[in-house]
Amino acid sequence: MPLIKQSDEYVIKDGMREGKGTARLFHATASLAEGPIGLASRIELEPGASIGFHLHDCDEEVYAIVSGRGVYEFDGGECQASQGDIFTTKKGMSHGLRNTG
């Protein structure tokens, strides 16, 4: 199995999941199609940018906050997000993330 490592190259995405501002997406360098993980990437949000609130009807997702601060939205509420926090979104749940600094 090939090593899965984040690429040094990124893609610019405006309005990610109908959010605000700009995001930089650093995708994994190897195909993940053969295992349980469908996608692995680092996303950098500009201050004030967000990933819009969206539903995960077919998959699950994990956010690990590497630096900065934000607000994590989820079904039923929201909470502060900061370096070291990890959020999981299970199939059937909705979530979003805002960079507040």
PDB file of N, CA and C in Angstrom:
ATOM      1  N   MET A   1       0.853  -1.178   0.000  1.00  0.00           N
ATOM      2  CA  MET A   1       0.000   0.000   0.000  1.00  0.00           C
ATOM      3  C   MET A   1       0.898   1.240   0.000  1.00  0.00           C
ATOM      4  N   PRO A   2       0.597   2.224  -0.841  1.00  0.00           N
ATOM      5  CA  PRO A   2       1.425   3.432  -0.893  1.00  0.00           C
ATOM      6  C   PRO A   2       1.229   4.300   0.353  1.00  0.00           C
ATOM      7  N   LEU A   3       2.250   5.051   0.656  1.00  0.00           N
ATOM      8  CA  LEU A   3       2.193   5.999   1.755  1.00  0.00           C
ATOM      9  C   LEU A   3       1.197   7.107   1.419  1.00  0.00           C
ATOM     10  N   ILE A   4       0.373   7.467   2.383  1.00  0.00           N
ATOM     11  CA  ILE A   4      -0.575   8.563   2.188  1.00  0.00           C
ATOM     12  C   ILE A   4       0.020   9.788   2.864  1.00  0.00           C
ATOM     13  N   LYS A   5       0.346  10.785   2.075  1.00  0.00           N
ATOM     14  CA  LYS A   5       0.954  12.009   2.587  1.00  0.00           C
ATOM     15  C   LYS A   5       0.270  13.196   1.943  1.00  0.00           C
ATOM     16  N   GLN A   6       0.125  14.238   2.702  1.00  0.00           N
ATOM     17  CA  GLN A   6      -0.478  15.456   2.195  1.00  0.00           C
ATOM     18  C   GLN A   6       0.402  16.075   1.119  1.00  0.00           C
ATOM     19  N   SER A   7      -0.192  16.552   0.064  1.00  0.00           N
ATOM     20  CA  SER A   7       0.528  17.228  -1.001  1.00  0.00           C
ATOM     21  C   SER A   7       0.946  18.624  -0.553  1.00  0.00           C
ATOM     22  N   ASP A   8       2.042  19.119  -1.115  1.00  0.00           N
ATOM     23  CA  ASP A   8       2.461  20.498  -0.863  1.00  0.00           C
ATOM     24  C   ASP A   8       1.690  21.481  -1.746  1.00  0.00           C
ATOM     25  N   GLU A   9       1.033  20.961  -2.768  1.00  0.00           N
ATOM     26  CA  GLU A   9       0.245  21.794  -3.668  1.00  0.00           C
ATOM     27  C   GLU A   9      -1.193  21.864  -3.158  1.00  0.00           C
ATOM     28  N   TYR A  10      -1.851  22.960  -3.439  1.00  0.00           N
ATOM     29  CA  TYR A  10      -3.215  23.128  -2.965  1.00  0.00           C
ATOM     30  C   TYR A  10      -4.121  23.675  -4.057  1.00  0.00           C
ATOM     31  N   VAL A  11      -5.409  23.536  -3.812  1.00  0.00           N
ATOM     32  CA  VAL A  11      -6.453  24.051  -4.680  1.00  0.00           C
ATOM     33  C   VAL A  11      -7.184  25.133  -3.904  1.00  0.00           C
ATOM     34  N   ILE A  12      -7.485  26.239  -4.558  1.00  0.00           N
ATOM     35  CA  ILE A  12      -8.259  27.316  -3.934  1.00  0.00           C
ATOM     36  C   ILE A  12      -9.738  27.035  -4.170  1.00  0.00           C
ATOM     37  N   LYS A  13     -10.515  27.130  -3.112  1.00  0.00           N
ATOM     38  CA  LYS A  13     -11.958  26.903  -3.214  1.00  0.00           C
ATOM     39  C   LYS A  13     -12.668  28.093  -2.574  1.00  0.00           C
ATOM     40  N   ASP A  14     -13.440  28.808  -3.357  1.00  0.00           N
ATOM     41  CA  ASP A  14     -14.244  29.909  -2.833  1.00  0.00           C
ATOM     42  C   ASP A  14     -15.619  29.381  -2.443  1.00  0.00           C
ATOM     43  N   GLY A  15     -16.123  29.825  -1.292  1.00  0.00           N
ATOM     44  CA  GLY A  15     -17.468  29.430  -0.865  1.00  0.00           C
ATOM     45  C   GLY A  15     -17.622  27.943  -0.658  1.00  0.00           C
ATOM     46  N   MET A  16     -16.700  27.328   0.083  1.00  0.00           N
ATOM     47  CA  MET A  16     -16.733  25.878   0.283  1.00  0.00           C
ATOM     48  C   MET A  16     -18.034  25.432   0.957  1.00  0.00           C
ATOM     49  N   ARG A  17     -18.714  24.520   0.318  1.00  0.00           N
ATOM     50  CA  ARG A  17     -20.016  24.020   0.810  1.00  0.00           C
ATOM     51  C   ARG A  17     -20.969  25.184   1.084  1.00  0.00           C
ATOM     52  N   GLU A  18     -20.922  26.192   0.186  1.00  0.00           N
ATOM     53  CA  GLU A  18     -21.738  27.397   0.284  1.00  0.00           C
ATOM     54  C   GLU A  18     -21.405  28.241   1.510  1.00  0.00           C
ATOM     55  N   GLY A  19     -20.166  28.090   1.996  1.00  0.00           N
ATOM     56  CA  GLY A  19     -19.676  28.928   3.087  1.00  0.00           C
ATOM     57  C   GLY A  19     -19.170  30.251   2.543  1.00  0.00           C
ATOM     58  N   LYS A  20     -18.506  31.008   3.393  1.00  0.00           N
ATOM     59  CA  LYS A  20     -17.997  32.322   3.029  1.00  0.00           C
ATOM     60  C   LYS A  20     -16.488  32.280   2.853  1.00  0.00           C
ATOM     61  N   GLY A  21     -15.969  33.167   1.998  1.00  0.00           N
ATOM     62  CA  GLY A  21     -14.537  33.348   1.863  1.00  0.00           C
ATOM     63  C   GLY A  21     -13.835  32.231   1.115  1.00  0.00           C
ATOM     64  N   THR A  22     -12.513  32.163   1.349  1.00  0.00           N
ATOM     65  CA  THR A  22     -11.633  31.276   0.601  1.00  0.00           C
ATOM     66  C   THR A  22     -11.042  30.185   1.494  1.00  0.00           C
ATOM     67  N   ALA A  23     -10.925  28.997   0.911  1.00  0.00           N
ATOM     68  CA  ALA A  23     -10.270  27.865   1.578  1.00  0.00           C
ATOM     69  C   ALA A  23      -9.168  27.346   0.668  1.00  0.00           C
ATOM     70  N   ARG A  24      -8.095  26.828   1.276  1.00  0.00           N
ATOM     71  CA  ARG A  24      -7.032  26.141   0.539  1.00  0.00           C
ATOM     72  C   ARG A  24      -7.113  24.663   0.915  1.00  0.00           C
ATOM     73  N   LEU A  25      -7.197  23.789  -0.103  1.00  0.00           N
ATOM     74  CA  LEU A  25      -7.309  22.350   0.116  1.00  0.00           C
ATOM     75  C   LEU A  25      -6.014  21.666  -0.296  1.00  0.00           C
ATOM     76  N   PHE A  26      -5.392  20.971   0.652  1.00  0.00           N
ATOM     77  CA  PHE A  26      -4.189  20.181   0.425  1.00  0.00           C
ATOM     78  C   PHE A  26      -4.625  18.714   0.486  1.00  0.00           C
ATOM     79  N   HIS A  27      -4.699  18.047  -0.660  1.00  0.00           N
ATOM     80  CA  HIS A  27      -5.198  16.675  -0.708  1.00  0.00           C
ATOM     81  C   HIS A  27      -4.084  15.660  -0.471  1.00  0.00           C
ATOM     82  N   ALA A  28      -4.482  14.441  -0.145  1.00  0.00           N
ATOM     83  CA  ALA A  28      -3.544  13.337   0.018  1.00  0.00           C
ATOM     84  C   ALA A  28      -2.920  13.000  -1.331  1.00  0.00           C
ATOM     85  N   THR A  29      -1.705  12.476  -1.305  1.00  0.00           N
ATOM     86  CA  THR A  29      -0.974  12.173  -2.537  1.00  0.00           C
ATOM     87  C   THR A  29      -1.266  10.785  -3.091  1.00  0.00           C
ATOM     88  N   ALA A  30      -1.918   9.924  -2.340  1.00  0.00           N
ATOM     89  CA  ALA A  30      -2.197   8.561  -2.804  1.00  0.00           C
ATOM     90  C   ALA A  30      -3.703   8.330  -2.866  1.00  0.00           C
ATOM     91  N   SER A  31      -4.123   7.412  -3.708  1.00  0.00           N
ATOM     92  CA  SER A  31      -5.526   7.047  -3.793  1.00  0.00           C
ATOM     93  C   SER A  31      -5.952   6.340  -2.516  1.00  0.00           C
ATOM     94  N   LEU A  32      -7.128   6.681  -2.027  1.00  0.00           N
ATOM     95  CA  LEU A  32      -7.651   6.061  -0.813  1.00  0.00           C
ATOM     96  C   LEU A  32      -8.799   5.106  -1.122  1.00  0.00           C
ATOM     97  N   ALA A  33      -9.005   4.804  -2.380  1.00  0.00           N
ATOM     98  CA  ALA A  33     -10.171   4.039  -2.811  1.00  0.00           C
ATOM     99  C   ALA A  33     -10.226   2.618  -2.262  1.00  0.00           C
ATOM    100  N   GLU A  34      -9.102   2.046  -1.846  1.00  0.00           N
ATOM    101  CA  GLU A  34      -9.094   0.647  -1.421  1.00  0.00           C
ATOM    102  C   GLU A  34      -9.396   0.437   0.054  1.00  0.00           C
ATOM    103  N   GLY A  35      -9.564   1.490   0.833  1.00  0.00           N
ATOM    104  CA  GLY A  35      -9.795   1.326   2.262  1.00  0.00           C
ATOM    105  C   GLY A  35     -11.032   2.066   2.738  1.00  0.00           C
ATOM    106  N   PRO A  36     -11.224   2.133   4.042  1.00  0.00           N
ATOM    107  CA  PRO A  36     -12.416   2.765   4.597  1.00  0.00           C
ATOM    108  C   PRO A  36     -12.382   4.295   4.551  1.00  0.00           C
ATOM    109  N   ILE A  37     -11.206   4.887   4.285  1.00  0.00           N
ATOM    110  CA  ILE A  37     -11.088   6.339   4.233  1.00  0.00           C
ATOM    111  C   ILE A  37     -11.235   6.782   2.786  1.00  0.00           C
ATOM    112  N   GLY A  38     -12.226   7.627   2.521  1.00  0.00           N
ATOM    113  CA  GLY A  38     -12.482   8.070   1.160  1.00  0.00           C
ATOM    114  C   GLY A  38     -11.708   9.311   0.767  1.00  0.00           C
ATOM    115  N   LEU A  39     -11.332  10.140   1.742  1.00  0.00           N
ATOM    116  CA  LEU A  39     -10.642  11.388   1.455  1.00  0.00           C
ATOM    117  C   LEU A  39      -9.853  11.807   2.679  1.00  0.00           C
ATOM    118  N   ALA A  40      -8.654  12.294   2.456  1.00  0.00           N
ATOM    119  CA  ALA A  40      -7.841  12.854   3.530  1.00  0.00           C
ATOM    120  C   ALA A  40      -7.233  14.141   3.001  1.00  0.00           C
ATOM    121  N   SER A  41      -7.483  15.239   3.682  1.00  0.00           N
ATOM    122  CA  SER A  41      -6.935  16.514   3.234  1.00  0.00           C
ATOM    123  C   SER A  41      -6.856  17.497   4.391  1.00  0.00           C
ATOM    124  N   ARG A  42      -5.990  18.494   4.204  1.00  0.00           N
ATOM    125  CA  ARG A  42      -5.925  19.606   5.147  1.00  0.00           C
ATOM    126  C   ARG A  42      -6.621  20.782   4.486  1.00  0.00           C
ATOM    127  N   ILE A  43      -7.435  21.483   5.256  1.00  0.00           N
ATOM    128  CA  ILE A  43      -8.137  22.646   4.742  1.00  0.00           C
ATOM    129  C   ILE A  43      -7.731  23.844   5.582  1.00  0.00           C
ATOM    130  N   GLU A  44      -7.269  24.887   4.929  1.00  0.00           N
ATOM    131  CA  GLU A  44      -6.944  26.135   5.609  1.00  0.00           C
ATOM    132  C   GLU A  44      -7.990  27.168   5.229  1.00  0.00           C
ATOM    133  N   LEU A  45      -8.637  27.737   6.240  1.00  0.00           N
ATOM    134  CA  LEU A  45      -9.635  28.775   6.021  1.00  0.00           C
ATOM    135  C   LEU A  45      -9.042  30.134   6.345  1.00  0.00           C
ATOM    136  N   GLU A  46      -9.249  31.094   5.472  1.00  0.00           N
ATOM    137  CA  GLU A  46      -8.842  32.468   5.748  1.00  0.00           C
ATOM    138  C   GLU A  46      -9.664  32.989   6.929  1.00  0.00           C
ATOM    139  N   PRO A  47      -9.131  33.950   7.695  1.00  0.00           N
ATOM    140  CA  PRO A  47      -9.929  34.549   8.776  1.00  0.00           C
ATOM    141  C   PRO A  47     -11.272  35.054   8.234  1.00  0.00           C
ATOM    142  N   GLY A  48     -12.341  34.697   8.933  1.00  0.00           N
ATOM    143  CA  GLY A  48     -13.693  35.061   8.515  1.00  0.00           C
ATOM    144  C   GLY A  48     -14.325  34.088   7.537  1.00  0.00           C
ATOM    145  N   ALA A  49     -13.545  33.157   6.996  1.00  0.00           N
ATOM    146  CA  ALA A  49     -14.078  32.179   6.032  1.00  0.00           C
ATOM    147  C   ALA A  49     -14.754  31.022   6.763  1.00  0.00           C
ATOM    148  N   SER A  50     -15.562  30.277   6.016  1.00  0.00           N
ATOM    149  CA  SER A  50     -16.280  29.148   6.624  1.00  0.00           C
ATOM    150  C   SER A  50     -16.483  28.019   5.633  1.00  0.00           C
ATOM    151  N   ILE A  51     -16.725  26.843   6.189  1.00  0.00           N
ATOM    152  CA  ILE A  51     -17.247  25.702   5.445  1.00  0.00           C
ATOM    153  C   ILE A  51     -18.723  25.680   5.793  1.00  0.00           C
ATOM    154  N   GLY A  52     -19.578  25.836   4.803  1.00  0.00           N
ATOM    155  CA  GLY A  52     -21.010  25.935   5.050  1.00  0.00           C
ATOM    156  C   GLY A  52     -21.591  24.697   5.724  1.00  0.00           C
ATOM    157  N   PHE A  53     -22.672  24.909   6.456  1.00  0.00           N
ATOM    158  CA  PHE A  53     -23.382  23.830   7.141  1.00  0.00           C
ATOM    159  C   PHE A  53     -23.891  22.852   6.086  1.00  0.00           C
ATOM    160  N   HIS A  54     -23.550  21.555   6.223  1.00  0.00           N
ATOM    161  CA  HIS A  54     -23.922  20.567   5.218  1.00  0.00           C
ATOM    162  C   HIS A  54     -24.161  19.202   5.852  1.00  0.00           C
ATOM    163  N   LEU A  55     -24.926  18.383   5.152  1.00  0.00           N
ATOM    164  CA  LEU A  55     -25.318  17.043   5.604  1.00  0.00           C
ATOM    165  C   LEU A  55     -24.336  15.997   5.101  1.00  0.00           C
ATOM    166  N   HIS A  56     -24.029  15.028   5.957  1.00  0.00           N
ATOM    167  CA  HIS A  56     -23.258  13.846   5.564  1.00  0.00           C
ATOM    168  C   HIS A  56     -24.219  12.668   5.518  1.00  0.00           C
ATOM    169  N   ASP A  57     -24.823  12.443   4.344  1.00  0.00           N
ATOM    170  CA  ASP A  57     -25.808  11.367   4.233  1.00  0.00           C
ATOM    171  C   ASP A  57     -25.184  10.034   3.836  1.00  0.00           C
ATOM    172  N   CYS A  58     -23.954  10.038   3.294  1.00  0.00           N
ATOM    173  CA  CYS A  58     -23.342   8.791   2.828  1.00  0.00           C
ATOM    174  C   CYS A  58     -21.974   8.504   3.444  1.00  0.00           C
ATOM    175  N   ASP A  59     -21.436   9.443   4.203  1.00  0.00           N
ATOM    176  CA  ASP A  59     -20.091   9.241   4.727  1.00  0.00           C
ATOM    177  C   ASP A  59     -19.941   9.912   6.094  1.00  0.00           C
ATOM    178  N   GLU A  60     -18.758   9.780   6.663  1.00  0.00           N
ATOM    179  CA  GLU A  60     -18.425  10.396   7.941  1.00  0.00           C
ATOM    180  C   GLU A  60     -17.208  11.275   7.746  1.00  0.00           C
ATOM    181  N   GLU A  61     -16.975  12.208   8.675  1.00  0.00           N
ATOM    182  CA  GLU A  61     -15.866  13.139   8.524  1.00  0.00           C
ATOM    183  C   GLU A  61     -15.301  13.505   9.889  1.00  0.00           C
ATOM    184  N   VAL A  62     -13.992  13.746   9.911  1.00  0.00           N
ATOM    185  CA  VAL A  62     -13.310  14.166  11.126  1.00  0.00           C
ATOM    186  C   VAL A  62     -12.609  15.487  10.840  1.00  0.00           C
ATOM    187  N   TYR A  63     -12.796  16.469  11.715  1.00  0.00           N
ATOM    188  CA  TYR A  63     -12.045  17.725  11.664  1.00  0.00           C
ATOM    189  C   TYR A  63     -11.090  17.736  12.844  1.00  0.00           C
ATOM    190  N   ALA A  64      -9.814  17.965  12.578  1.00  0.00           N
ATOM    191  CA  ALA A  64      -8.818  18.170  13.625  1.00  0.00           C
ATOM    192  C   ALA A  64      -8.320  19.599  13.466  1.00  0.00           C
ATOM    193  N   ILE A  65      -8.481  20.402  14.484  1.00  0.00           N
ATOM    194  CA  ILE A  65      -8.089  21.807  14.428  1.00  0.00           C
ATOM    195  C   ILE A  65      -6.597  21.892  14.752  1.00  0.00           C
ATOM    196  N   VAL A  66      -5.805  22.306  13.770  1.00  0.00           N
ATOM    197  CA  VAL A  66      -4.348  22.344  13.905  1.00  0.00           C
ATOM    198  C   VAL A  66      -3.895  23.683  14.497  1.00  0.00           C
ATOM    199  N   SER A  67      -4.538  24.760  14.096  1.00  0.00           N
ATOM    200  CA  SER A  67      -4.198  26.073  14.639  1.00  0.00           C
ATOM    201  C   SER A  67      -5.381  27.017  14.452  1.00  0.00           C
ATOM    202  N   GLY A  68      -5.342  28.129  15.164  1.00  0.00           N
ATOM    203  CA  GLY A  68      -6.396  29.121  15.034  1.00  0.00           C
ATOM    204  C   GLY A  68      -7.581  28.848  15.944  1.00  0.00           C
ATOM    205  N   ARG A  69      -8.633  29.616  15.675  1.00  0.00           N
ATOM    206  CA  ARG A  69      -9.867  29.483  16.449  1.00  0.00           C
ATOM    207  C   ARG A  69     -11.064  29.562  15.524  1.00  0.00           C
ATOM    208  N   GLY A  70     -12.152  28.971  15.984  1.00  0.00           N
ATOM    209  CA  GLY A  70     -13.355  29.017  15.178  1.00  0.00           C
ATOM    210  C   GLY A  70     -14.572  28.613  15.965  1.00  0.00           C
ATOM    211  N   VAL A  71     -15.646  28.449  15.229  1.00  0.00           N
ATOM    212  CA  VAL A  71     -16.901  27.953  15.785  1.00  0.00           C
ATOM    213  C   VAL A  71     -17.324  26.750  14.955  1.00  0.00           C
ATOM    214  N   TYR A  72     -17.528  25.625  15.626  1.00  0.00           N
ATOM    215  CA  TYR A  72     -17.985  24.391  14.984  1.00  0.00           C
ATOM    216  C   TYR A  72     -19.491  24.309  15.173  1.00  0.00           C
ATOM    217  N   GLU A  73     -20.225  24.227  14.067  1.00  0.00           N
ATOM    218  CA  GLU A  73     -21.683  24.072  14.106  1.00  0.00           C
ATOM    219  C   GLU A  73     -22.018  22.601  13.897  1.00  0.00           C
ATOM    220  N   PHE A  74     -23.036  22.127  14.588  1.00  0.00           N
ATOM    221  CA  PHE A  74     -23.476  20.745  14.424  1.00  0.00           C
ATOM    222  C   PHE A  74     -24.969  20.689  14.673  1.00  0.00           C
ATOM    223  N   ASP A  75     -25.570  19.554  14.361  1.00  0.00           N
ATOM    224  CA  ASP A  75     -27.006  19.385  14.600  1.00  0.00           C
ATOM    225  C   ASP A  75     -27.300  19.708  16.061  1.00  0.00           C
ATOM    226  N   GLY A  76     -28.088  20.732  16.287  1.00  0.00           N
ATOM    227  CA  GLY A  76     -28.484  21.054  17.650  1.00  0.00           C
ATOM    228  C   GLY A  76     -27.646  22.098  18.354  1.00  0.00           C
ATOM    229  N   GLY A  77     -26.627  22.661  17.711  1.00  0.00           N
ATOM    230  CA  GLY A  77     -25.874  23.686  18.410  1.00  0.00           C
ATOM    231  C   GLY A  77     -24.569  24.059  17.751  1.00  0.00           C
ATOM    232  N   GLU A  78     -23.741  24.720  18.566  1.00  0.00           N
ATOM    233  CA  GLU A  78     -22.411  25.104  18.131  1.00  0.00           C
ATOM    234  C   GLU A  78     -21.512  25.220  19.345  1.00  0.00           C
ATOM    235  N   CYS A  79     -20.199  25.163  19.105  1.00  0.00           N
ATOM    236  CA  CYS A  79     -19.246  25.303  20.197  1.00  0.00           C
ATOM    237  C   CYS A  79     -17.955  25.914  19.666  1.00  0.00           C
ATOM    238  N   GLN A  80     -17.158  26.417  20.576  1.00  0.00           N
ATOM    239  CA  GLN A  80     -15.868  26.989  20.211  1.00  0.00           C
ATOM    240  C   GLN A  80     -14.934  25.874  19.731  1.00  0.00           C
ATOM    241  N   ALA A  81     -14.080  26.213  18.784  1.00  0.00           N
ATOM    242  CA  ALA A  81     -13.097  25.279  18.257  1.00  0.00           C
ATOM    243  C   ALA A  81     -11.721  25.938  18.346  1.00  0.00           C
ATOM    244  N   SER A  82     -10.738  25.205  18.851  1.00  0.00           N
ATOM    245  CA  SER A  82      -9.385  25.758  18.930  1.00  0.00           C
ATOM    246  C   SER A  82      -8.360  24.644  18.762  1.00  0.00           C
ATOM    247  N   GLN A  83      -7.100  25.027  18.664  1.00  0.00           N
ATOM    248  CA  GLN A  83      -6.007  24.096  18.433  1.00  0.00           C
ATOM    249  C   GLN A  83      -6.107  22.879  19.349  1.00  0.00           C
ATOM    250  N   GLY A  84      -6.019  21.693  18.736  1.00  0.00           N
ATOM    251  CA  GLY A  84      -6.070  20.441  19.482  1.00  0.00           C
ATOM    252  C   GLY A  84      -7.446  19.794  19.527  1.00  0.00           C
ATOM    253  N   ASP A  85      -8.501  20.530  19.174  1.00  0.00           N
ATOM    254  CA  ASP A  85      -9.853  19.961  19.185  1.00  0.00           C
ATOM    255  C   ASP A  85     -10.056  19.030  17.994  1.00  0.00           C
ATOM    256  N   ILE A  86     -10.826  17.969  18.213  1.00  0.00           N
ATOM    257  CA  ILE A  86     -11.187  17.031  17.156  1.00  0.00           C
ATOM    258  C   ILE A  86     -12.700  16.851  17.194  1.00  0.00           C
ATOM    259  N   PHE A  87     -13.325  16.987  16.029  1.00  0.00           N
ATOM    260  CA  PHE A  87     -14.776  16.859  15.904  1.00  0.00           C
ATOM    261  C   PHE A  87     -15.089  15.743  14.913  1.00  0.00           C
ATOM    262  N   THR A  88     -16.034  14.882  15.271  1.00  0.00           N
ATOM    263  CA  THR A  88     -16.456  13.811  14.369  1.00  0.00           C
ATOM    264  C   THR A  88     -17.895  14.047  13.939  1.00  0.00           C
ATOM    265  N   THR A  89     -18.155  13.792  12.680  1.00  0.00           N
ATOM    266  CA  THR A  89     -19.496  13.901  12.129  1.00  0.00           C
ATOM    267  C   THR A  89     -19.863  12.534  11.569  1.00  0.00           C
ATOM    268  N   LYS A  90     -20.855  11.912  12.148  1.00  0.00           N
ATOM    269  CA  LYS A  90     -21.298  10.582  11.732  1.00  0.00           C
ATOM    270  C   LYS A  90     -22.268  10.687  10.566  1.00  0.00           C
ATOM    271  N   LYS A  91     -22.451   9.572   9.870  1.00  0.00           N
ATOM    272  CA  LYS A  91     -23.411   9.512   8.771  1.00  0.00           C
ATOM    273  C   LYS A  91     -24.782   9.961   9.280  1.00  0.00           C
ATOM    274  N   GLY A  92     -25.422  10.840   8.520  1.00  0.00           N
ATOM    275  CA  GLY A  92     -26.748  11.349   8.891  1.00  0.00           C
ATOM    276  C   GLY A  92     -26.707  12.658   9.667  1.00  0.00           C
ATOM    277  N   MET A  93     -25.511  13.099  10.053  1.00  0.00           N
ATOM    278  CA  MET A  93     -25.386  14.361  10.794  1.00  0.00           C
ATOM    279  C   MET A  93     -24.980  15.496   9.852  1.00  0.00           C
ATOM    280  N   SER A  94     -25.175  16.728  10.310  1.00  0.00           N
ATOM    281  CA  SER A  94     -24.772  17.926   9.571  1.00  0.00           C
ATOM    282  C   SER A  94     -23.797  18.731  10.412  1.00  0.00           C
ATOM    283  N   HIS A  95     -22.939  19.499   9.728  1.00  0.00           N
ATOM    284  CA  HIS A  95     -21.976  20.326  10.447  1.00  0.00           C
ATOM    285  C   HIS A  95     -21.413  21.417   9.543  1.00  0.00           C
ATOM    286  N   GLY A  96     -20.687  22.357  10.149  1.00  0.00           N
ATOM    287  CA  GLY A  96     -19.990  23.415   9.434  1.00  0.00           C
ATOM    288  C   GLY A  96     -18.922  23.989  10.359  1.00  0.00           C
ATOM    289  N   LEU A  97     -18.061  24.856   9.822  1.00  0.00           N
ATOM    290  CA  LEU A  97     -16.963  25.421  10.596  1.00  0.00           C
ATOM    291  C   LEU A  97     -16.676  26.836  10.126  1.00  0.00           C
ATOM    292  N   ARG A  98     -16.513  27.767  11.077  1.00  0.00           N
ATOM    293  CA  ARG A  98     -16.142  29.160  10.787  1.00  0.00           C
ATOM    294  C   ARG A  98     -14.814  29.487  11.432  1.00  0.00           C
ATOM    295  N   ASN A  99     -13.926  30.144  10.712  1.00  0.00           N
ATOM    296  CA  ASN A  99     -12.654  30.620  11.254  1.00  0.00           C
ATOM    297  C   ASN A  99     -12.904  32.002  11.868  1.00  0.00           C
ATOM    298  N   THR A 100     -12.680  32.119  13.163  1.00  0.00           N
ATOM    299  CA  THR A 100     -12.863  33.404  13.833  1.00  0.00           C
ATOM    300  C   THR A 100     -11.536  34.048  14.221  1.00  0.00           C
ATOM    301  N   GLY A 101     -10.420  33.403  13.875  1.00  0.00           N
ATOM    302  CA  GLY A 101      -9.129  34.031  14.148  1.00  0.00           C
ATOM    303  C   GLY A 101      -8.010  33.033  14.342  1.00  0.00           C
TER     304      GLY A 101
END
